[in-house]
PDB file of N, CA and C in Angstrom:
ATOM      1  N   VAL A   1      -2.682 -30.155   4.880  1.00  0.00           N
ATOM      2  CA  VAL A   1      -2.058 -30.000   3.574  1.00  0.00           C
ATOM      3  C   VAL A   1      -3.112 -29.669   2.525  1.00  0.00           C
ATOM      4  N   ASN A   2      -4.192 -30.388   2.506  1.00  0.00           N
ATOM      5  CA  ASN A   2      -5.231 -30.146   1.505  1.00  0.00           C
ATOM      6  C   ASN A   2      -6.557 -29.825   2.185  1.00  0.00           C
ATOM      7  N   ASN A   3      -6.502 -29.096   3.284  1.00  0.00           N
ATOM      8  CA  ASN A   3      -7.679 -28.794   4.088  1.00  0.00           C
ATOM      9  C   ASN A   3      -8.247 -27.443   3.656  1.00  0.00           C
ATOM     10  N   ARG A   4      -9.432 -27.432   3.109  1.00  0.00           N
ATOM     11  CA  ARG A   4     -10.044 -26.191   2.621  1.00  0.00           C
ATOM     12  C   ARG A   4     -10.732 -25.383   3.714  1.00  0.00           C
ATOM     13  N   SER A   5     -10.635 -25.809   4.963  1.00  0.00           N
ATOM     14  CA  SER A   5     -11.272 -25.076   6.061  1.00  0.00           C
ATOM     15  C   SER A   5     -10.261 -24.304   6.908  1.00  0.00           C
ATOM     16  N   VAL A   6      -9.063 -24.113   6.392  1.00  0.00           N
ATOM     17  CA  VAL A   6      -8.025 -23.395   7.131  1.00  0.00           C
ATOM     18  C   VAL A   6      -7.633 -22.120   6.376  1.00  0.00           C
ATOM     19  N   ALA A   7      -6.950 -21.218   7.068  1.00  0.00           N
ATOM     20  CA  ALA A   7      -6.587 -19.921   6.491  1.00  0.00           C
ATOM     21  C   ALA A   7      -5.576 -20.059   5.359  1.00  0.00           C
ATOM     22  N   ILE A   8      -4.585 -20.887   5.559  1.00  0.00           N
ATOM     23  CA  ILE A   8      -3.551 -21.088   4.538  1.00  0.00           C
ATOM     24  C   ILE A   8      -3.375 -22.581   4.337  1.00  0.00           C
ATOM     25  N   ARG A   9      -3.365 -22.997   3.098  1.00  0.00           N
ATOM     26  CA  ARG A   9      -3.150 -24.416   2.822  1.00  0.00           C
ATOM     27  C   ARG A   9      -2.121 -24.580   1.717  1.00  0.00           C
ATOM     28  N   VAL A  10      -1.553 -25.760   1.652  1.00  0.00           N
ATOM     29  CA  VAL A  10      -0.606 -26.120   0.600  1.00  0.00           C
ATOM     30  C   VAL A  10      -1.265 -27.232  -0.205  1.00  0.00           C
ATOM     31  N   PRO A  11      -1.835 -26.891  -1.368  1.00  0.00           N
ATOM     32  CA  PRO A  11      -2.494 -27.928  -2.163  1.00  0.00           C
ATOM     33  C   PRO A  11      -1.482 -28.963  -2.652  1.00  0.00           C
ATOM     34  N   PRO A  12      -1.896 -30.213  -2.752  1.00  0.00           N
ATOM     35  CA  PRO A  12      -0.971 -31.228  -3.253  1.00  0.00           C
ATOM     36  C   PRO A  12      -0.616 -30.956  -4.708  1.00  0.00           C
ATOM     37  N   SER A  13       0.664 -31.102  -5.031  1.00  0.00           N
ATOM     38  CA  SER A  13       1.120 -30.924  -6.410  1.00  0.00           C
ATOM     39  C   SER A  13       2.544 -31.456  -6.528  1.00  0.00           C
ATOM     40  N   ASP A  14       3.039 -31.447  -7.749  1.00  0.00           N
ATOM     41  CA  ASP A  14       4.438 -31.831  -7.943  1.00  0.00           C
ATOM     42  C   ASP A  14       5.328 -30.635  -7.593  1.00  0.00           C
ATOM     43  N   ALA A  15       6.618 -30.818  -7.629  1.00  0.00           N
ATOM     44  CA  ALA A  15       7.558 -29.770  -7.207  1.00  0.00           C
ATOM     45  C   ALA A  15       7.404 -28.495  -8.034  1.00  0.00           C
ATOM     46  N   ALA A  16       7.069 -28.612  -9.301  1.00  0.00           N
ATOM     47  CA  ALA A  16       6.947 -27.430 -10.157  1.00  0.00           C
ATOM     48  C   ALA A  16       5.701 -26.608  -9.839  1.00  0.00           C
ATOM     49  N   GLY A  17       4.701 -27.234  -9.259  1.00  0.00           N
ATOM     50  CA  GLY A  17       3.448 -26.524  -9.005  1.00  0.00           C
ATOM     51  C   GLY A  17       3.187 -26.224  -7.549  1.00  0.00           C
ATOM     52  N   ILE A  18       4.167 -26.436  -6.691  1.00  0.00           N
ATOM     53  CA  ILE A  18       3.932 -26.222  -5.256  1.00  0.00           C
ATOM     54  C   ILE A  18       3.662 -24.751  -4.983  1.00  0.00           C
ATOM     55  N   ARG A  19       2.712 -24.489  -4.096  1.00  0.00           N
ATOM     56  CA  ARG A  19       2.304 -23.121  -3.799  1.00  0.00           C
ATOM     57  C   ARG A  19       1.542 -23.113  -2.483  1.00  0.00           C
ATOM     58  N   ILE A  20       1.305 -21.919  -1.981  1.00  0.00           N
ATOM     59  CA  ILE A  20       0.404 -21.785  -0.839  1.00  0.00           C
ATOM     60  C   ILE A  20      -0.873 -21.129  -1.342  1.00  0.00           C
ATOM     61  N   GLU A  21      -1.936 -21.373  -0.631  1.00  0.00           N
ATOM     62  CA  GLU A  21      -3.225 -20.779  -0.954  1.00  0.00           C
ATOM     63  C   GLU A  21      -3.682 -20.003   0.272  1.00  0.00           C
ATOM     64  N   HIS A  22      -3.853 -18.705   0.116  1.00  0.00           N
ATOM     65  CA  HIS A  22      -4.335 -17.853   1.207  1.00  0.00           C
ATOM     66  C   HIS A  22      -5.840 -17.729   1.028  1.00  0.00           C
ATOM     67  N   ARG A  23      -6.605 -18.211   2.008  1.00  0.00           N
ATOM     68  CA  ARG A  23      -8.043 -18.366   1.827  1.00  0.00           C
ATOM     69  C   ARG A  23      -8.876 -17.358   2.605  1.00  0.00           C
ATOM     70  N   ILE A  24      -8.255 -16.319   3.158  1.00  0.00           N
ATOM     71  CA  ILE A  24      -8.997 -15.394   4.007  1.00  0.00           C
ATOM     72  C   ILE A  24      -9.407 -14.123   3.279  1.00  0.00           C
ATOM     73  N   ALA A  25      -8.509 -13.540   2.540  1.00  0.00           N
ATOM     74  CA  ALA A  25      -8.774 -12.243   1.917  1.00  0.00           C
ATOM     75  C   ALA A  25      -9.976 -12.330   0.975  1.00  0.00           C
ATOM     76  N   GLY A  26     -10.805 -11.309   1.029  1.00  0.00           N
ATOM     77  CA  GLY A  26     -11.968 -11.245   0.162  1.00  0.00           C
ATOM     78  C   GLY A  26     -11.616 -10.711  -1.214  1.00  0.00           C
ATOM     79  N   ALA A  27     -12.571 -10.782  -2.099  1.00  0.00           N
ATOM     80  CA  ALA A  27     -12.368 -10.298  -3.463  1.00  0.00           C
ATOM     81  C   ALA A  27     -12.151  -8.792  -3.502  1.00  0.00           C
ATOM     82  N   ASP A  28     -12.562  -8.097  -2.441  1.00  0.00           N
ATOM     83  CA  ASP A  28     -12.402  -6.643  -2.402  1.00  0.00           C
ATOM     84  C   ASP A  28     -11.052  -6.220  -1.838  1.00  0.00           C
ATOM     85  N   ALA A  29     -10.227  -7.157  -1.424  1.00  0.00           N
ATOM     86  CA  ALA A  29      -8.918  -6.823  -0.852  1.00  0.00           C
ATOM     87  C   ALA A  29      -7.930  -6.448  -1.951  1.00  0.00           C
ATOM     88  N   ASN A  30      -7.002  -5.580  -1.611  1.00  0.00           N
ATOM     89  CA  ASN A  30      -5.930  -5.230  -2.533  1.00  0.00           C
ATOM     90  C   ASN A  30      -4.957  -6.413  -2.584  1.00  0.00           C
ATOM     91  N   PRO A  31      -4.834  -7.089  -3.732  1.00  0.00           N
ATOM     92  CA  PRO A  31      -4.004  -8.300  -3.778  1.00  0.00           C
ATOM     93  C   PRO A  31      -2.526  -8.027  -3.475  1.00  0.00           C
ATOM     94  N   TYR A  32      -2.055  -6.833  -3.786  1.00  0.00           N
ATOM     95  CA  TYR A  32      -0.650  -6.506  -3.512  1.00  0.00           C
ATOM     96  C   TYR A  32      -0.412  -6.364  -2.013  1.00  0.00           C
ATOM     97  N   LEU A  33      -1.358  -5.756  -1.312  1.00  0.00           N
ATOM     98  CA  LEU A  33      -1.234  -5.627   0.141  1.00  0.00           C
ATOM     99  C   LEU A  33      -1.394  -6.977   0.829  1.00  0.00           C
ATOM    100  N   VAL A  34      -2.299  -7.796   0.332  1.00  0.00           N
ATOM    101  CA  VAL A  34      -2.467  -9.135   0.899  1.00  0.00           C
ATOM    102  C   VAL A  34      -1.165  -9.918   0.751  1.00  0.00           C
ATOM    103  N   LEU A  35      -0.596  -9.896  -0.440  1.00  0.00           N
ATOM    104  CA  LEU A  35       0.652 -10.618  -0.677  1.00  0.00           C
ATOM    105  C   LEU A  35       1.780 -10.064   0.190  1.00  0.00           C
ATOM    106  N   ALA A  36       1.867  -8.738   0.300  1.00  0.00           N
ATOM    107  CA  ALA A  36       2.904  -8.126   1.138  1.00  0.00           C
ATOM    108  C   ALA A  36       2.752  -8.558   2.592  1.00  0.00           C
ATOM    109  N   ALA A  37       1.512  -8.602   3.089  1.00  0.00           N
ATOM    110  CA  ALA A  37       1.276  -9.002   4.478  1.00  0.00           C
ATOM    111  C   ALA A  37       1.606 -10.476   4.693  1.00  0.00           C
ATOM    112  N   VAL A  38       1.209 -11.333   3.760  1.00  0.00           N
ATOM    113  CA  VAL A  38       1.500 -12.765   3.886  1.00  0.00           C
ATOM    114  C   VAL A  38       3.010 -12.996   3.849  1.00  0.00           C
ATOM    115  N   LEU A  39       3.694 -12.367   2.910  1.00  0.00           N
ATOM    116  CA  LEU A  39       5.151 -12.533   2.819  1.00  0.00           C
ATOM    117  C   LEU A  39       5.860 -11.966   4.044  1.00  0.00           C
ATOM    118  N   ALA A  40       5.368 -10.845   4.562  1.00  0.00           N
ATOM    119  CA  ALA A  40       5.951 -10.265   5.783  1.00  0.00           C
ATOM    120  C   ALA A  40       5.786 -11.243   6.942  1.00  0.00           C
ATOM    121  N   GLY A  41       4.611 -11.828   7.064  1.00  0.00           N
ATOM    122  CA  GLY A  41       4.377 -12.806   8.123  1.00  0.00           C
ATOM    123  C   GLY A  41       5.269 -14.023   7.982  1.00  0.00           C
ATOM    124  N   MET A  42       5.434 -14.506   6.757  1.00  0.00           N
ATOM    125  CA  MET A  42       6.307 -15.650   6.532  1.00  0.00           C
ATOM    126  C   MET A  42       7.755 -15.294   6.874  1.00  0.00           C
ATOM    127  N   HIS A  43       8.207 -14.145   6.412  1.00  0.00           N
ATOM    128  CA  HIS A  43       9.583 -13.724   6.696  1.00  0.00           C
ATOM    129  C   HIS A  43       9.798 -13.533   8.192  1.00  0.00           C
ATOM    130  N   HIS A  44       8.835 -12.910   8.848  1.00  0.00           N
ATOM    131  CA  HIS A  44       8.930 -12.701  10.291  1.00  0.00           C
ATOM    132  C   HIS A  44       9.061 -14.045  11.021  1.00  0.00           C
ATOM    133  N   GLY A  45       8.258 -15.010  10.635  1.00  0.00           N
ATOM    134  CA  GLY A  45       8.317 -16.323  11.263  1.00  0.00           C
ATOM    135  C   GLY A  45       9.643 -17.022  11.029  1.00  0.00           C
ATOM    136  N   ILE A  46      10.142 -16.953   9.800  1.00  0.00           N
ATOM    137  CA  ILE A  46      11.428 -17.595   9.475  1.00  0.00           C
ATOM    138  C   ILE A  46      12.576 -16.884  10.181  1.00  0.00           C
ATOM    139  N   ALA A  47      12.600 -15.553  10.097  1.00  0.00           N
ATOM    140  CA  ALA A  47      13.705 -14.779  10.687  1.00  0.00           C
ATOM    141  C   ALA A  47      13.767 -14.926  12.199  1.00  0.00           C
ATOM    142  N   ASN A  48      12.621 -15.105  12.838  1.00  0.00           N
ATOM    143  CA  ASN A  48      12.576 -15.227  14.297  1.00  0.00           C
ATOM    144  C   ASN A  48      12.455 -16.673  14.765  1.00  0.00           C
ATOM    145  N   LYS A  49      12.614 -17.593  13.802  1.00  0.00           N
ATOM    146  CA  LYS A  49      12.583 -19.031  14.109  1.00  0.00           C
ATOM    147  C   LYS A  49      11.329 -19.432  14.893  1.00  0.00           C
ATOM    148  N   ILE A  50      10.202 -18.914  14.460  1.00  0.00           N
ATOM    149  CA  ILE A  50       8.915 -19.240  15.083  1.00  0.00           C
ATOM    150  C   ILE A  50       8.381 -20.503  14.407  1.00  0.00           C
ATOM    151  N   ALA A  51       8.210 -21.534  15.171  1.00  0.00           N
ATOM    152  CA  ALA A  51       7.722 -22.803  14.620  1.00  0.00           C
ATOM    153  C   ALA A  51       6.242 -22.679  14.279  1.00  0.00           C
ATOM    154  N   PRO A  52       5.859 -23.107  13.096  1.00  0.00           N
ATOM    155  CA  PRO A  52       4.430 -23.066  12.767  1.00  0.00           C
ATOM    156  C   PRO A  52       3.674 -24.101  13.598  1.00  0.00           C
ATOM    157  N   PRO A  53       2.387 -23.881  13.799  1.00  0.00           N
ATOM    158  CA  PRO A  53       1.604 -24.877  14.536  1.00  0.00           C
ATOM    159  C   PRO A  53       1.467 -26.151  13.706  1.00  0.00           C
ATOM    160  N   ASP A  54       1.062 -27.214  14.366  1.00  0.00           N
ATOM    161  CA  ASP A  54       0.796 -28.463  13.654  1.00  0.00           C
ATOM    162  C   ASP A  54      -0.333 -28.239  12.657  1.00  0.00           C
ATOM    163  N   PRO A  55      -0.331 -28.989  11.556  1.00  0.00           N
ATOM    164  CA  PRO A  55      -1.425 -28.860  10.587  1.00  0.00           C
ATOM    165  C   PRO A  55      -2.770 -29.170  11.239  1.00  0.00           C
ATOM    166  N   VAL A  56      -3.794 -28.478  10.799  1.00  0.00           N
ATOM    167  CA  VAL A  56      -5.148 -28.704  11.299  1.00  0.00           C
ATOM    168  C   VAL A  56      -5.705 -29.942  10.614  1.00  0.00           C
ATOM    169  N   ARG A  57      -6.230 -30.839  11.399  1.00  0.00           N
ATOM    170  CA  ARG A  57      -6.860 -32.046  10.872  1.00  0.00           C
ATOM    171  C   ARG A  57      -8.372 -31.906  11.068  1.00  0.00           C
ATOM    172  N   GLY A  58      -9.129 -32.263  10.059  1.00  0.00           N
ATOM    173  CA  GLY A  58     -10.583 -32.169  10.169  1.00  0.00           C
ATOM    174  C   GLY A  58     -11.060 -30.752   9.870  1.00  0.00           C
ATOM    175  N   ASP A  59     -12.253 -30.447  10.328  1.00  0.00           N
ATOM    176  CA  ASP A  59     -12.900 -29.170  10.045  1.00  0.00           C
ATOM    177  C   ASP A  59     -12.272 -28.059  10.899  1.00  0.00           C
ATOM    178  N   GLY A  60     -11.528 -27.174  10.277  1.00  0.00           N
ATOM    179  CA  GLY A  60     -10.873 -26.082  10.983  1.00  0.00           C
ATOM    180  C   GLY A  60     -11.842 -25.117  11.636  1.00  0.00           C
ATOM    181  N   TYR A  61     -13.048 -25.017  11.093  1.00  0.00           N
ATOM    182  CA  TYR A  61     -14.043 -24.108  11.661  1.00  0.00           C
ATOM    183  C   TYR A  61     -14.517 -24.578  13.034  1.00  0.00           C
ATOM    184  N   GLU A  62     -14.442 -25.869  13.273  1.00  0.00           N
ATOM    185  CA  GLU A  62     -14.954 -26.449  14.514  1.00  0.00           C
ATOM    186  C   GLU A  62     -13.887 -26.576  15.602  1.00  0.00           C
ATOM    187  N   GLN A  63     -12.651 -26.213  15.293  1.00  0.00           N
ATOM    188  CA  GLN A  63     -11.568 -26.427  16.241  1.00  0.00           C
ATOM    189  C   GLN A  63     -11.215 -25.143  16.980  1.00  0.00           C
ATOM    190  N   PRO A  64     -10.727 -25.282  18.214  1.00  0.00           N
ATOM    191  CA  PRO A  64     -10.323 -24.083  18.961  1.00  0.00           C
ATOM    192  C   PRO A  64      -9.093 -23.451  18.326  1.00  0.00           C
ATOM    193  N   GLY A  65      -8.935 -22.193  18.570  1.00  0.00           N
ATOM    194  CA  GLY A  65      -7.781 -21.481  18.039  1.00  0.00           C
ATOM    195  C   GLY A  65      -8.113 -20.034  17.820  1.00  0.00           C
ATOM    196  N   PRO A  66      -7.148 -19.276  17.325  1.00  0.00           N
ATOM    197  CA  PRO A  66      -7.418 -17.851  17.106  1.00  0.00           C
ATOM    198  C   PRO A  66      -8.520 -17.657  16.069  1.00  0.00           C
ATOM    199  N   ARG A  67      -9.352 -16.677  16.314  1.00  0.00           N
ATOM    200  CA  ARG A  67     -10.439 -16.354  15.388  1.00  0.00           C
ATOM    201  C   ARG A  67     -10.159 -14.987  14.776  1.00  0.00           C
ATOM    202  N   PHE A  68     -10.550 -14.832  13.560  1.00  0.00           N
ATOM    203  CA  PHE A  68     -10.395 -13.550  12.896  1.00  0.00           C
ATOM    204  C   PHE A  68     -11.560 -12.649  13.258  1.00  0.00           C
ATOM    205  N   PRO A  69     -11.318 -11.362  13.306  1.00  0.00           N
ATOM    206  CA  PRO A  69     -12.400 -10.433  13.682  1.00  0.00           C
ATOM    207  C   PRO A  69     -13.578 -10.542  12.724  1.00  0.00           C
ATOM    208  N   ALA A  70     -14.762 -10.413  13.289  1.00  0.00           N
ATOM    209  CA  ALA A  70     -15.977 -10.462  12.484  1.00  0.00           C
ATOM    210  C   ALA A  70     -16.333  -9.089  11.931  1.00  0.00           C
ATOM    211  N   ARG A  71     -15.811  -8.035  12.545  1.00  0.00           N
ATOM    212  CA  ARG A  71     -16.146  -6.674  12.122  1.00  0.00           C
ATOM    213  C   ARG A  71     -14.887  -5.921  11.724  1.00  0.00           C
ATOM    214  N   TRP A  72     -15.059  -5.030  10.777  1.00  0.00           N
ATOM    215  CA  TRP A  72     -13.976  -4.234  10.223  1.00  0.00           C
ATOM    216  C   TRP A  72     -13.247  -3.453  11.314  1.00  0.00           C
ATOM    217  N   GLU A  73     -13.986  -2.870  12.235  1.00  0.00           N
ATOM    218  CA  GLU A  73     -13.374  -2.048  13.286  1.00  0.00           C
ATOM    219  C   GLU A  73     -12.466  -2.882  14.188  1.00  0.00           C
ATOM    220  N   GLN A  74     -12.889  -4.107  14.473  1.00  0.00           N
ATOM    221  CA  GLN A  74     -12.054  -4.991  15.290  1.00  0.00           C
ATOM    222  C   GLN A  74     -10.736  -5.292  14.586  1.00  0.00           C
ATOM    223  N   ALA A  75     -10.804  -5.542  13.298  1.00  0.00           N
ATOM    224  CA  ALA A  75      -9.588  -5.815  12.530  1.00  0.00           C
ATOM    225  C   ALA A  75      -8.688  -4.585  12.510  1.00  0.00           C
ATOM    226  N   LEU A  76      -9.279  -3.406  12.368  1.00  0.00           N
ATOM    227  CA  LEU A  76      -8.480  -2.180  12.365  1.00  0.00           C
ATOM    228  C   LEU A  76      -7.806  -1.943  13.709  1.00  0.00           C
ATOM    229  N   ASP A  77      -8.502  -2.245  14.801  1.00  0.00           N
ATOM    230  CA  ASP A  77      -7.894  -2.102  16.124  1.00  0.00           C
ATOM    231  C   ASP A  77      -6.699  -3.036  16.280  1.00  0.00           C
ATOM    232  N   LEU A  78      -6.834  -4.277  15.836  1.00  0.00           N
ATOM    233  CA  LEU A  78      -5.723  -5.226  15.910  1.00  0.00           C
ATOM    234  C   LEU A  78      -4.558  -4.771  15.026  1.00  0.00           C
ATOM    235  N   PHE A  79      -4.878  -4.259  13.850  1.00  0.00           N
ATOM    236  CA  PHE A  79      -3.847  -3.755  12.941  1.00  0.00           C
ATOM    237  C   PHE A  79      -3.078  -2.600  13.585  1.00  0.00           C
ATOM    238  N   ARG A  80      -3.807  -1.677  14.204  1.00  0.00           N
ATOM    239  CA  ARG A  80      -3.173  -0.520  14.838  1.00  0.00           C
ATOM    240  C   ARG A  80      -2.237  -0.950  15.966  1.00  0.00           C
ATOM    241  N   GLU A  81      -2.611  -1.978  16.717  1.00  0.00           N
ATOM    242  CA  GLU A  81      -1.819  -2.432  17.860  1.00  0.00           C
ATOM    243  C   GLU A  81      -0.616  -3.273  17.446  1.00  0.00           C
ATOM    244  N   SER A  82      -0.622  -3.811  16.245  1.00  0.00           N
ATOM    245  CA  SER A  82       0.456  -4.678  15.795  1.00  0.00           C
ATOM    246  C   SER A  82       1.695  -3.878  15.404  1.00  0.00           C
ATOM    247  N   THR A  83       2.847  -4.440  15.667  1.00  0.00           N
ATOM    248  CA  THR A  83       4.099  -3.773  15.292  1.00  0.00           C
ATOM    249  C   THR A  83       4.810  -4.479  14.150  1.00  0.00           C
ATOM    250  N   ILE A  84       4.429  -5.700  13.849  1.00  0.00           N
ATOM    251  CA  ILE A  84       5.156  -6.479  12.838  1.00  0.00           C
ATOM    252  C   ILE A  84       5.054  -5.837  11.464  1.00  0.00           C
ATOM    253  N   LEU A  85       3.855  -5.498  11.022  1.00  0.00           N
ATOM    254  CA  LEU A  85       3.727  -4.899   9.687  1.00  0.00           C
ATOM    255  C   LEU A  85       4.386  -3.526   9.614  1.00  0.00           C
ATOM    256  N   GLN A  86       4.450  -2.829  10.736  1.00  0.00           N
ATOM    257  CA  GLN A  86       5.140  -1.534  10.732  1.00  0.00           C
ATOM    258  C   GLN A  86       6.613  -1.707  10.363  1.00  0.00           C
ATOM    259  N   GLU A  87       7.212  -2.816  10.786  1.00  0.00           N
ATOM    260  CA  GLU A  87       8.607  -3.090  10.447  1.00  0.00           C
ATOM    261  C   GLU A  87       8.784  -3.313   8.951  1.00  0.00           C
ATOM    262  N   TYR A  88       7.780  -3.883   8.298  1.00  0.00           N
ATOM    263  CA  TYR A  88       7.884  -4.226   6.881  1.00  0.00           C
ATOM    264  C   TYR A  88       7.347  -3.134   5.963  1.00  0.00           C
ATOM    265  N   LEU A  89       6.236  -2.515   6.341  1.00  0.00           N
ATOM    266  CA  LEU A  89       5.600  -1.512   5.485  1.00  0.00           C
ATOM    267  C   LEU A  89       5.919  -0.086   5.913  1.00  0.00           C
ATOM    268  N   GLY A  90       6.411   0.051   7.132  1.00  0.00           N
ATOM    269  CA  GLY A  90       6.724   1.374   7.657  1.00  0.00           C
ATOM    270  C   GLY A  90       5.608   1.892   8.552  1.00  0.00           C
ATOM    271  N   ALA A  91       5.996   2.514   9.647  1.00  0.00           N
ATOM    272  CA  ALA A  91       5.023   3.036  10.613  1.00  0.00           C
ATOM    273  C   ALA A  91       4.158   4.120   9.990  1.00  0.00           C
ATOM    274  N   ARG A  92       4.764   4.961   9.159  1.00  0.00           N
ATOM    275  CA  ARG A  92       4.012   6.060   8.533  1.00  0.00           C
ATOM    276  C   ARG A  92       2.913   5.524   7.612  1.00  0.00           C
ATOM    277  N   TYR A  93       3.257   4.517   6.801  1.00  0.00           N
ATOM    278  CA  TYR A  93       2.264   3.918   5.919  1.00  0.00           C
ATOM    279  C   TYR A  93       1.149   3.275   6.735  1.00  0.00           C
ATOM    280  N   CYS A  94       1.508   2.513   7.756  1.00  0.00           N
ATOM    281  CA  CYS A  94       0.505   1.822   8.568  1.00  0.00           C
ATOM    282  C   CYS A  94      -0.436   2.808   9.248  1.00  0.00           C
ATOM    283  N   LYS A  95       0.090   3.915   9.730  1.00  0.00           N
ATOM    284  CA  LYS A  95      -0.750   4.933  10.369  1.00  0.00           C
ATOM    285  C   LYS A  95      -1.713   5.533   9.348  1.00  0.00           C
ATOM    286  N   ALA A  96      -1.208   5.855   8.160  1.00  0.00           N
ATOM    287  CA  ALA A  96      -2.064   6.410   7.106  1.00  0.00           C
ATOM    288  C   ALA A  96      -3.137   5.407   6.691  1.00  0.00           C
ATOM    289  N   PHE A  97      -2.744   4.151   6.512  1.00  0.00           N
ATOM    290  CA  PHE A  97      -3.694   3.109   6.120  1.00  0.00           C
ATOM    291  C   PHE A  97      -4.794   2.983   7.171  1.00  0.00           C
ATOM    292  N   HIS A  98      -4.410   2.925   8.443  1.00  0.00           N
ATOM    293  CA  HIS A  98      -5.390   2.797   9.526  1.00  0.00           C
ATOM    294  C   HIS A  98      -6.325   4.003   9.552  1.00  0.00           C
ATOM    295  N   THR A  99      -5.786   5.188   9.438  1.00  0.00           N
ATOM    296  CA  THR A  99      -6.589   6.413   9.495  1.00  0.00           C
ATOM    297  C   THR A  99      -7.621   6.439   8.366  1.00  0.00           C
ATOM    298  N   ILE A 100      -7.188   6.092   7.167  1.00  0.00           N
ATOM    299  CA  ILE A 100      -8.091   6.108   6.014  1.00  0.00           C
ATOM    300  C   ILE A 100      -9.183   5.056   6.168  1.00  0.00           C
ATOM    301  N   ARG A 101      -8.790   3.850   6.555  1.00  0.00           N
ATOM    302  CA  ARG A 101      -9.782   2.779   6.696  1.00  0.00           C
ATOM    303  C   ARG A 101     -10.750   3.049   7.847  1.00  0.00           C
ATOM    304  N   ARG A 102     -10.276   3.653   8.919  1.00  0.00           N
ATOM    305  CA  ARG A 102     -11.159   3.996  10.041  1.00  0.00           C
ATOM    306  C   ARG A 102     -12.173   5.049   9.578  1.00  0.00           C
ATOM    307  N   TYR A 103     -11.717   6.031   8.806  1.00  0.00           N
ATOM    308  CA  TYR A 103     -12.618   7.047   8.261  1.00  0.00           C
ATOM    309  C   TYR A 103     -13.687   6.377   7.386  1.00  0.00           C
ATOM    310  N   GLU A 104     -13.265   5.452   6.526  1.00  0.00           N
ATOM    311  CA  GLU A 104     -14.216   4.766   5.654  1.00  0.00           C
ATOM    312  C   GLU A 104     -15.230   3.952   6.469  1.00  0.00           C
ATOM    313  N   ALA A 105     -14.759   3.277   7.509  1.00  0.00           N
ATOM    314  CA  ALA A 105     -15.662   2.494   8.357  1.00  0.00           C
ATOM    315  C   ALA A 105     -16.665   3.407   9.054  1.00  0.00           C
ATOM    316  N   ASP A 106     -16.181   4.517   9.578  1.00  0.00           N
ATOM    317  CA  ASP A 106     -17.086   5.467  10.244  1.00  0.00           C
ATOM    318  C   ASP A 106     -18.112   6.025   9.262  1.00  0.00           C
ATOM    319  N   LYS A 107     -17.661   6.347   8.066  1.00  0.00           N
ATOM    320  CA  LYS A 107     -18.569   6.868   7.042  1.00  0.00           C
ATOM    321  C   LYS A 107     -19.617   5.807   6.665  1.00  0.00           C
ATOM    322  N   PHE A 108     -19.187   4.582   6.559  1.00  0.00           N
ATOM    323  CA  PHE A 108     -20.107   3.482   6.248  1.00  0.00           C
ATOM    324  C   PHE A 108     -21.189   3.361   7.317  1.00  0.00           C
ATOM    325  N   HIS A 109     -20.803   3.447   8.573  1.00  0.00           N
ATOM    326  CA  HIS A 109     -21.767   3.266   9.658  1.00  0.00           C
ATOM    327  C   HIS A 109     -22.665   4.484   9.867  1.00  0.00           C
ATOM    328  N   ARG A 110     -22.335   5.611   9.265  1.00  0.00           N
ATOM    329  CA  ARG A 110     -23.234   6.765   9.332  1.00  0.00           C
ATOM    330  C   ARG A 110     -24.390   6.620   8.345  1.00  0.00           C
ATOM    331  N   HIS A 111     -24.254   5.714   7.398  1.00  0.00           N
ATOM    332  CA  HIS A 111     -25.308   5.467   6.417  1.00  0.00           C
ATOM    333  C   HIS A 111     -26.367   4.567   7.045  1.00  0.00           C
ATOM    334  N   ILE A 112     -27.614   4.926   6.902  1.00  0.00           N
ATOM    335  CA  ILE A 112     -28.707   4.133   7.459  1.00  0.00           C
ATOM    336  C   ILE A 112     -29.152   3.123   6.399  1.00  0.00           C
ATOM    337  N   PRO A 113     -28.955   1.834   6.682  1.00  0.00           N
ATOM    338  CA  PRO A 113     -29.389   0.818   5.713  1.00  0.00           C
ATOM    339  C   PRO A 113     -30.906   0.865   5.527  1.00  0.00           C
ATOM    340  N   SER A 114     -31.367   0.473   4.357  1.00  0.00           N
ATOM    341  CA  SER A 114     -32.800   0.537   4.052  1.00  0.00           C
ATOM    342  C   SER A 114     -33.624  -0.315   5.016  1.00  0.00           C
ATOM    343  N   LEU A 115     -33.096  -1.440   5.459  1.00  0.00           N
ATOM    344  CA  LEU A 115     -33.836  -2.279   6.398  1.00  0.00           C
ATOM    345  C   LEU A 115     -34.030  -1.559   7.734  1.00  0.00           C
ATOM    346  N   ASP A 116     -32.990  -0.906   8.247  1.00  0.00           N
ATOM    347  CA  ASP A 116     -33.136  -0.139   9.485  1.00  0.00           C
ATOM    348  C   ASP A 116     -34.138   0.999   9.300  1.00  0.00           C
ATOM    349  N   TYR A 117     -34.065   1.630   8.164  1.00  0.00           N
ATOM    350  CA  TYR A 117     -35.000   2.716   7.893  1.00  0.00           C
ATOM    351  C   TYR A 117     -36.428   2.187   7.908  1.00  0.00           C
ATOM    352  N   GLU A 118     -36.645   1.064   7.224  1.00  0.00           N
ATOM    353  CA  GLU A 118     -37.997   0.481   7.162  1.00  0.00           C
ATOM    354  C   GLU A 118     -38.489   0.068   8.538  1.00  0.00           C
ATOM    355  N   TRP A 119     -37.655  -0.564   9.323  1.00  0.00           N
ATOM    356  CA  TRP A 119     -38.082  -1.093  10.615  1.00  0.00           C
ATOM    357  C   TRP A 119     -38.246  -0.018  11.669  1.00  0.00           C
ATOM    358  N   TYR A 120     -37.336   0.971  11.691  1.00  0.00           N
ATOM    359  CA  TYR A 120     -37.289   1.885  12.833  1.00  0.00           C
ATOM    360  C   TYR A 120     -37.587   3.348  12.538  1.00  0.00           C
ATOM    361  N   LEU A 121     -37.349   3.796  11.321  1.00  0.00           N
ATOM    362  CA  LEU A 121     -37.378   5.233  11.081  1.00  0.00           C
ATOM    363  C   LEU A 121     -38.534   5.729  10.217  1.00  0.00           C
ATOM    364  N   ARG A 122     -39.212   4.859   9.537  1.00  0.00           N
ATOM    365  CA  ARG A 122     -40.252   5.370   8.642  1.00  0.00           C
ATOM    366  C   ARG A 122     -41.461   5.845   9.442  1.00  0.00           C
ATOM    367  N   SER A 123     -42.132   6.776   8.897  1.00  0.00           N
ATOM    368  CA  SER A 123     -43.323   7.313   9.550  1.00  0.00           C
ATOM    369  C   SER A 123     -44.499   6.377   9.308  1.00  0.00           C
ATOM    370  N   ALA A 124     -45.334   6.281  10.291  1.00  0.00           N
ATOM    371  CA  ALA A 124     -46.506   5.397  10.143  1.00  0.00           C
ATOM    372  C   ALA A 124     -47.601   6.114   9.392  1.00  0.00           C
TER     373      ALA A 124
END
């Protein structure tokens, strides 16, 4: 309920202030897309009567369970394989989003970071 080491938590409050806290998205994420994805996931779970797991007790980082991808490309691969968001956002949008983000990731990795340049590429 008030565990800051989990992806989604429900902070303690009175009925007027009850809310969920999504703790995964970074500051660079589009907040509208994050909200759309979270709401789609919630609706999907409710509509399909999927029971949520038991609340995590203790340090969520130390417990077994699904892990989020550490690299952008891994997340994009999982996104491409998923069908749930396609139902909510549309297959055409999801394909365009994946294509654009994959292009950006590829472009990012074509750039040689200064540390790599210093260690491996500079002339002696």
